[in-house]
Amino acid sequence: MLPFDEQERLLEDALVNVRQHAFQMERCLDKKKLIEGLQHATSMLREMGTSRLSPKSYYELC
C-alpha cells in the first residue's frame, strides 16, 4: 500500500481528471457529438479503474 500523502496526491489527480472528463463529456453530448462524448466517458472510466488507490480513496473518487 502507498503512503498516505501519496494516496492523497493520487486521489486529487484522479478527481481532477474525472471531473474534467465528465464536464467535457457533457459538453460533447449537449452538442450531439456522440463519439467525442464516448471518448471522454472511456477516459473517465479508465481513470476510475486504477488499482493504486486504497478502498477508502477509491470510494471518495466514485
PDB file of N, CA and C in Angstrom:
ATOM      1  N   MET A   1       0.842  -1.182   0.000  1.00  0.00           N
ATOM      2  CA  MET A   1       0.000   0.000   0.000  1.00  0.00           C
ATOM      3  C   MET A   1       0.889   1.248   0.000  1.00  0.00           C
ATOM      4  N   LEU A   2       0.438   2.263  -0.667  1.00  0.00           N
ATOM      5  CA  LEU A   2       1.194   3.507  -0.771  1.00  0.00           C
ATOM      6  C   LEU A   2       1.048   4.344   0.494  1.00  0.00           C
ATOM      7  N   PRO A   3       2.035   5.196   0.774  1.00  0.00           N
ATOM      8  CA  PRO A   3       1.927   6.097   1.932  1.00  0.00           C
ATOM      9  C   PRO A   3       0.722   7.033   1.789  1.00  0.00           C
ATOM     10  N   PHE A   4       0.272   7.555   2.928  1.00  0.00           N
ATOM     11  CA  PHE A   4      -0.929   8.396   2.963  1.00  0.00           C
ATOM     12  C   PHE A   4      -0.813   9.599   2.032  1.00  0.00           C
ATOM     13  N   ASP A   5       0.321  10.312   2.065  1.00  0.00           N
ATOM     14  CA  ASP A   5       0.451  11.511   1.234  1.00  0.00           C
ATOM     15  C   ASP A   5       0.447  11.168  -0.257  1.00  0.00           C
ATOM     16  N   GLU A   6       0.982  10.014  -0.599  1.00  0.00           N
ATOM     17  CA  GLU A   6       0.941   9.562  -1.992  1.00  0.00           C
ATOM     18  C   GLU A   6      -0.499   9.220  -2.390  1.00  0.00           C
ATOM     19  N   GLN A   7      -1.250   8.591  -1.489  1.00  0.00           N
ATOM     20  CA  GLN A   7      -2.663   8.292  -1.737  1.00  0.00           C
ATOM     21  C   GLN A   7      -3.451   9.582  -1.960  1.00  0.00           C
ATOM     22  N   GLU A   8      -3.189  10.580  -1.129  1.00  0.00           N
ATOM     23  CA  GLU A   8      -3.891  11.862  -1.255  1.00  0.00           C
ATOM     24  C   GLU A   8      -3.601  12.514  -2.605  1.00  0.00           C
ATOM     25  N   ARG A   9      -2.341  12.481  -3.021  1.00  0.00           N
ATOM     26  CA  ARG A   9      -1.964  13.077  -4.300  1.00  0.00           C
ATOM     27  C   ARG A   9      -2.629  12.331  -5.459  1.00  0.00           C
ATOM     28  N   LEU A  10      -2.610  11.009  -5.407  1.00  0.00           N
ATOM     29  CA  LEU A  10      -3.261  10.215  -6.452  1.00  0.00           C
ATOM     30  C   LEU A  10      -4.760  10.487  -6.510  1.00  0.00           C
ATOM     31  N   LEU A  11      -5.387  10.584  -5.345  1.00  0.00           N
ATOM     32  CA  LEU A  11      -6.824  10.857  -5.293  1.00  0.00           C
ATOM     33  C   LEU A  11      -7.129  12.228  -5.882  1.00  0.00           C
ATOM     34  N   GLU A  12      -6.340  13.234  -5.514  1.00  0.00           N
ATOM     35  CA  GLU A  12      -6.561  14.590  -6.030  1.00  0.00           C
ATOM     36  C   GLU A  12      -6.423  14.607  -7.545  1.00  0.00           C
ATOM     37  N   ASP A  13      -5.371  13.978  -8.056  1.00  0.00           N
ATOM     38  CA  ASP A  13      -5.165  13.920  -9.507  1.00  0.00           C
ATOM     39  C   ASP A  13      -6.329  13.214 -10.196  1.00  0.00           C
ATOM     40  N   ALA A  14      -6.760  12.105  -9.636  1.00  0.00           N
ATOM     41  CA  ALA A  14      -7.862  11.344 -10.227  1.00  0.00           C
ATOM     42  C   ALA A  14      -9.159  12.152 -10.209  1.00  0.00           C
ATOM     43  N   LEU A  15      -9.424  12.847  -9.106  1.00  0.00           N
ATOM     44  CA  LEU A  15     -10.642  13.665  -9.017  1.00  0.00           C
ATOM     45  C   LEU A  15     -10.649  14.762 -10.072  1.00  0.00           C
ATOM     46  N   VAL A  16      -9.518  15.426 -10.238  1.00  0.00           N
ATOM     47  CA  VAL A  16      -9.422  16.493 -11.241  1.00  0.00           C
ATOM     48  C   VAL A  16      -9.678  15.919 -12.632  1.00  0.00           C
ATOM     49  N   ASN A  17      -9.038  14.800 -12.941  1.00  0.00           N
ATOM     50  CA  ASN A  17      -9.190  14.198 -14.268  1.00  0.00           C
ATOM     51  C   ASN A  17     -10.609  13.702 -14.516  1.00  0.00           C
ATOM     52  N   VAL A  18     -11.209  13.062 -13.532  1.00  0.00           N
ATOM     53  CA  VAL A  18     -12.576  12.555 -13.698  1.00  0.00           C
ATOM     54  C   VAL A  18     -13.553  13.710 -13.894  1.00  0.00           C
ATOM     55  N   ARG A  19     -13.410  14.753 -13.105  1.00  0.00           N
ATOM     56  CA  ARG A  19     -14.310  15.918 -13.252  1.00  0.00           C
ATOM     57  C   ARG A  19     -14.138  16.578 -14.615  1.00  0.00           C
ATOM     58  N   GLN A  20     -12.889  16.688 -15.062  1.00  0.00           N
ATOM     59  CA  GLN A  20     -12.626  17.302 -16.359  1.00  0.00           C
ATOM     60  C   GLN A  20     -13.247  16.475 -17.489  1.00  0.00           C
ATOM     61  N   HIS A  21     -13.056  15.175 -17.454  1.00  0.00           N
ATOM     62  CA  HIS A  21     -13.634  14.329 -18.498  1.00  0.00           C
ATOM     63  C   HIS A  21     -15.159  14.318 -18.428  1.00  0.00           C
ATOM     64  N   ALA A  22     -15.715  14.340 -17.239  1.00  0.00           N
ATOM     65  CA  ALA A  22     -17.177  14.375 -17.107  1.00  0.00           C
ATOM     66  C   ALA A  22     -17.739  15.661 -17.710  1.00  0.00           C
ATOM     67  N   PHE A  23     -17.076  16.780 -17.439  1.00  0.00           N
ATOM     68  CA  PHE A  23     -17.515  18.064 -17.992  1.00  0.00           C
ATOM     69  C   PHE A  23     -17.434  18.045 -19.517  1.00  0.00           C
ATOM     70  N   GLN A  24     -16.292  17.593 -20.041  1.00  0.00           N
ATOM     71  CA  GLN A  24     -16.115  17.544 -21.493  1.00  0.00           C
ATOM     72  C   GLN A  24     -17.104  16.577 -22.141  1.00  0.00           C
ATOM     73  N   MET A  25     -17.381  15.465 -21.472  1.00  0.00           N
ATOM     74  CA  MET A  25     -18.345  14.505 -21.986  1.00  0.00           C
ATOM     75  C   MET A  25     -19.722  15.156 -22.108  1.00  0.00           C
ATOM     76  N   GLU A  26     -20.151  15.847 -21.064  1.00  0.00           N
ATOM     77  CA  GLU A  26     -21.459  16.509 -21.103  1.00  0.00           C
ATOM     78  C   GLU A  26     -21.518  17.561 -22.201  1.00  0.00           C
ATOM     79  N   ARG A  27     -20.438  18.330 -22.349  1.00  0.00           N
ATOM     80  CA  ARG A  27     -20.393  19.345 -23.412  1.00  0.00           C
ATOM     81  C   ARG A  27     -20.562  18.709 -24.784  1.00  0.00           C
ATOM     82  N   CYS A  28     -19.823  17.642 -25.017  1.00  0.00           N
ATOM     83  CA  CYS A  28     -19.906  16.967 -26.317  1.00  0.00           C
ATOM     84  C   CYS A  28     -21.299  16.398 -26.554  1.00  0.00           C
ATOM     85  N   LEU A  29     -21.868  15.783 -25.543  1.00  0.00           N
ATOM     86  CA  LEU A  29     -23.204  15.204 -25.708  1.00  0.00           C
ATOM     87  C   LEU A  29     -24.255  16.284 -25.931  1.00  0.00           C
ATOM     88  N   ASP A  30     -24.098  17.436 -25.266  1.00  0.00           N
ATOM     89  CA  ASP A  30     -25.024  18.547 -25.494  1.00  0.00           C
ATOM     90  C   ASP A  30     -24.951  19.053 -26.934  1.00  0.00           C
ATOM     91  N   LYS A  31     -23.765  18.953 -27.529  1.00  0.00           N
ATOM     92  CA  LYS A  31     -23.563  19.404 -28.906  1.00  0.00           C
ATOM     93  C   LYS A  31     -23.813  18.286 -29.920  1.00  0.00           C
ATOM     94  N   LYS A  32     -24.355  17.155 -29.430  1.00  0.00           N
ATOM     95  CA  LYS A  32     -24.670  15.996 -30.281  1.00  0.00           C
ATOM     96  C   LYS A  32     -23.420  15.366 -30.901  1.00  0.00           C
ATOM     97  N   LYS A  33     -22.284  15.491 -30.226  1.00  0.00           N
ATOM     98  CA  LYS A  33     -21.036  14.864 -30.683  1.00  0.00           C
ATOM     99  C   LYS A  33     -20.847  13.575 -29.887  1.00  0.00           C
ATOM    100  N   LEU A  34     -21.568  12.547 -30.303  1.00  0.00           N
ATOM    101  CA  LEU A  34     -21.634  11.301 -29.549  1.00  0.00           C
ATOM    102  C   LEU A  34     -20.274  10.602 -29.425  1.00  0.00           C
ATOM    103  N   ILE A  35     -19.539  10.499 -30.518  1.00  0.00           N
ATOM    104  CA  ILE A  35     -18.260   9.780 -30.494  1.00  0.00           C
ATOM    105  C   ILE A  35     -17.284  10.462 -29.540  1.00  0.00           C
ATOM    106  N   GLU A  36     -17.178  11.783 -29.612  1.00  0.00           N
ATOM    107  CA  GLU A  36     -16.275  12.507 -28.710  1.00  0.00           C
ATOM    108  C   GLU A  36     -16.732  12.364 -27.258  1.00  0.00           C
ATOM    109  N   GLY A  37     -18.032  12.396 -27.040  1.00  0.00           N
ATOM    110  CA  GLY A  37     -18.564  12.213 -25.693  1.00  0.00           C
ATOM    111  C   GLY A  37     -18.223  10.842 -25.138  1.00  0.00           C
ATOM    112  N   LEU A  38     -18.331   9.825 -25.983  1.00  0.00           N
ATOM    113  CA  LEU A  38     -17.986   8.468 -25.554  1.00  0.00           C
ATOM    114  C   LEU A  38     -16.489   8.324 -25.287  1.00  0.00           C
ATOM    115  N   GLN A  39     -15.672   9.042 -26.030  1.00  0.00           N
ATOM    116  CA  GLN A  39     -14.228   9.010 -25.779  1.00  0.00           C
ATOM    117  C   GLN A  39     -13.909   9.592 -24.404  1.00  0.00           C
ATOM    118  N   HIS A  40     -14.578  10.672 -24.037  1.00  0.00           N
ATOM    119  CA  HIS A  40     -14.379  11.252 -22.705  1.00  0.00           C
ATOM    120  C   HIS A  40     -14.912  10.316 -21.621  1.00  0.00           C
ATOM    121  N   ALA A  41     -16.030   9.654 -21.893  1.00  0.00           N
ATOM    122  CA  ALA A  41     -16.570   8.690 -20.928  1.00  0.00           C
ATOM    123  C   ALA A  41     -15.586   7.543 -20.719  1.00  0.00           C
ATOM    124  N   THR A  42     -14.985   7.073 -21.793  1.00  0.00           N
ATOM    125  CA  THR A  42     -13.999   5.995 -21.701  1.00  0.00           C
ATOM    126  C   THR A  42     -12.793   6.431 -20.889  1.00  0.00           C
ATOM    127  N   SER A  43     -12.311   7.636 -21.141  1.00  0.00           N
ATOM    128  CA  SER A  43     -11.161   8.159 -20.389  1.00  0.00           C
ATOM    129  C   SER A  43     -11.495   8.299 -18.909  1.00  0.00           C
ATOM    130  N   MET A  44     -12.705   8.745 -18.628  1.00  0.00           N
ATOM    131  CA  MET A  44     -13.135   8.904 -17.241  1.00  0.00           C
ATOM    132  C   MET A  44     -13.180   7.543 -16.543  1.00  0.00           C
ATOM    133  N   LEU A  45     -13.713   6.542 -17.205  1.00  0.00           N
ATOM    134  CA  LEU A  45     -13.786   5.204 -16.616  1.00  0.00           C
ATOM    135  C   LEU A  45     -12.406   4.578 -16.446  1.00  0.00           C
ATOM    136  N   ARG A  46     -11.507   4.851 -17.371  1.00  0.00           N
ATOM    137  CA  ARG A  46     -10.130   4.356 -17.216  1.00  0.00           C
ATOM    138  C   ARG A  46      -9.490   4.960 -15.971  1.00  0.00           C
ATOM    139  N   GLU A  47      -9.718   6.233 -15.770  1.00  0.00           N
ATOM    140  CA  GLU A  47      -9.167   6.912 -14.590  1.00  0.00           C
ATOM    141  C   GLU A  47      -9.724   6.295 -13.312  1.00  0.00           C
ATOM    142  N   MET A  48     -10.991   5.925 -13.343  1.00  0.00           N
ATOM    143  CA  MET A  48     -11.618   5.346 -12.158  1.00  0.00           C
ATOM    144  C   MET A  48     -11.211   3.891 -11.945  1.00  0.00           C
ATOM    145  N   GLY A  49     -10.621   3.266 -12.954  1.00  0.00           N
ATOM    146  CA  GLY A  49     -10.263   1.860 -12.863  1.00  0.00           C
ATOM    147  C   GLY A  49      -8.897   1.595 -12.256  1.00  0.00           C
ATOM    148  N   THR A  50      -8.289   2.579 -11.649  1.00  0.00           N
ATOM    149  CA  THR A  50      -6.952   2.403 -11.090  1.00  0.00           C
ATOM    150  C   THR A  50      -6.966   1.460  -9.894  1.00  0.00           C
ATOM    151  N   SER A  51      -5.907   0.704  -9.764  1.00  0.00           N
ATOM    152  CA  SER A  51      -5.786  -0.195  -8.611  1.00  0.00           C
ATOM    153  C   SER A  51      -4.812   0.368  -7.579  1.00  0.00           C
ATOM    154  N   ARG A  52      -4.318   1.566  -7.814  1.00  0.00           N
ATOM    155  CA  ARG A  52      -3.329   2.156  -6.917  1.00  0.00           C
ATOM    156  C   ARG A  52      -3.961   2.859  -5.719  1.00  0.00           C
ATOM    157  N   LEU A  53      -5.257   3.123  -5.782  1.00  0.00           N
ATOM    158  CA  LEU A  53      -5.927   3.804  -4.673  1.00  0.00           C
ATOM    159  C   LEU A  53      -6.385   2.804  -3.624  1.00  0.00           C
ATOM    160  N   SER A  54      -6.377   3.244  -2.380  1.00  0.00           N
ATOM    161  CA  SER A  54      -6.915   2.414  -1.302  1.00  0.00           C
ATOM    162  C   SER A  54      -8.438   2.355  -1.462  1.00  0.00           C
ATOM    163  N   PRO A  55      -9.095   1.391  -0.830  1.00  0.00           N
ATOM    164  CA  PRO A  55     -10.561   1.323  -0.936  1.00  0.00           C
ATOM    165  C   PRO A  55     -11.243   2.624  -0.490  1.00  0.00           C
ATOM    166  N   LYS A  56     -10.734   3.238   0.571  1.00  0.00           N
ATOM    167  CA  LYS A  56     -11.327   4.493   1.049  1.00  0.00           C
ATOM    168  C   LYS A  56     -11.182   5.599   0.007  1.00  0.00           C
ATOM    169  N   SER A  57      -9.986   5.730  -0.559  1.00  0.00           N
ATOM    170  CA  SER A  57      -9.752   6.756  -1.581  1.00  0.00           C
ATOM    171  C   SER A  57     -10.588   6.483  -2.822  1.00  0.00           C
ATOM    172  N   TYR A  58     -10.688   5.218  -3.209  1.00  0.00           N
ATOM    173  CA  TYR A  58     -11.492   4.865  -4.375  1.00  0.00           C
ATOM    174  C   TYR A  58     -12.958   5.225  -4.138  1.00  0.00           C
ATOM    175  N   TYR A  59     -13.457   4.987  -2.935  1.00  0.00           N
ATOM    176  CA  TYR A  59     -14.840   5.332  -2.606  1.00  0.00           C
ATOM    177  C   TYR A  59     -15.057   6.840  -2.744  1.00  0.00           C
ATOM    178  N   GLU A  60     -14.076   7.637  -2.317  1.00  0.00           N
ATOM    179  CA  GLU A  60     -14.178   9.093  -2.451  1.00  0.00           C
ATOM    180  C   GLU A  60     -14.192   9.502  -3.917  1.00  0.00           C
ATOM    181  N   LEU A  61     -13.479   8.764  -4.743  1.00  0.00           N
ATOM    182  CA  LEU A  61     -13.424   9.070  -6.171  1.00  0.00           C
ATOM    183  C   LEU A  61     -14.771   8.827  -6.834  1.00  0.00           C
ATOM    184  N   CYS A  62     -15.447   7.769  -6.436  1.00  0.00           N
ATOM    185  CA  CYS A  62     -16.731   7.423  -7.044  1.00  0.00           C
ATOM    186  C   CYS A  62     -17.815   8.274  -6.444  1.00  0.00           C
TER     187      CYS A  62
END
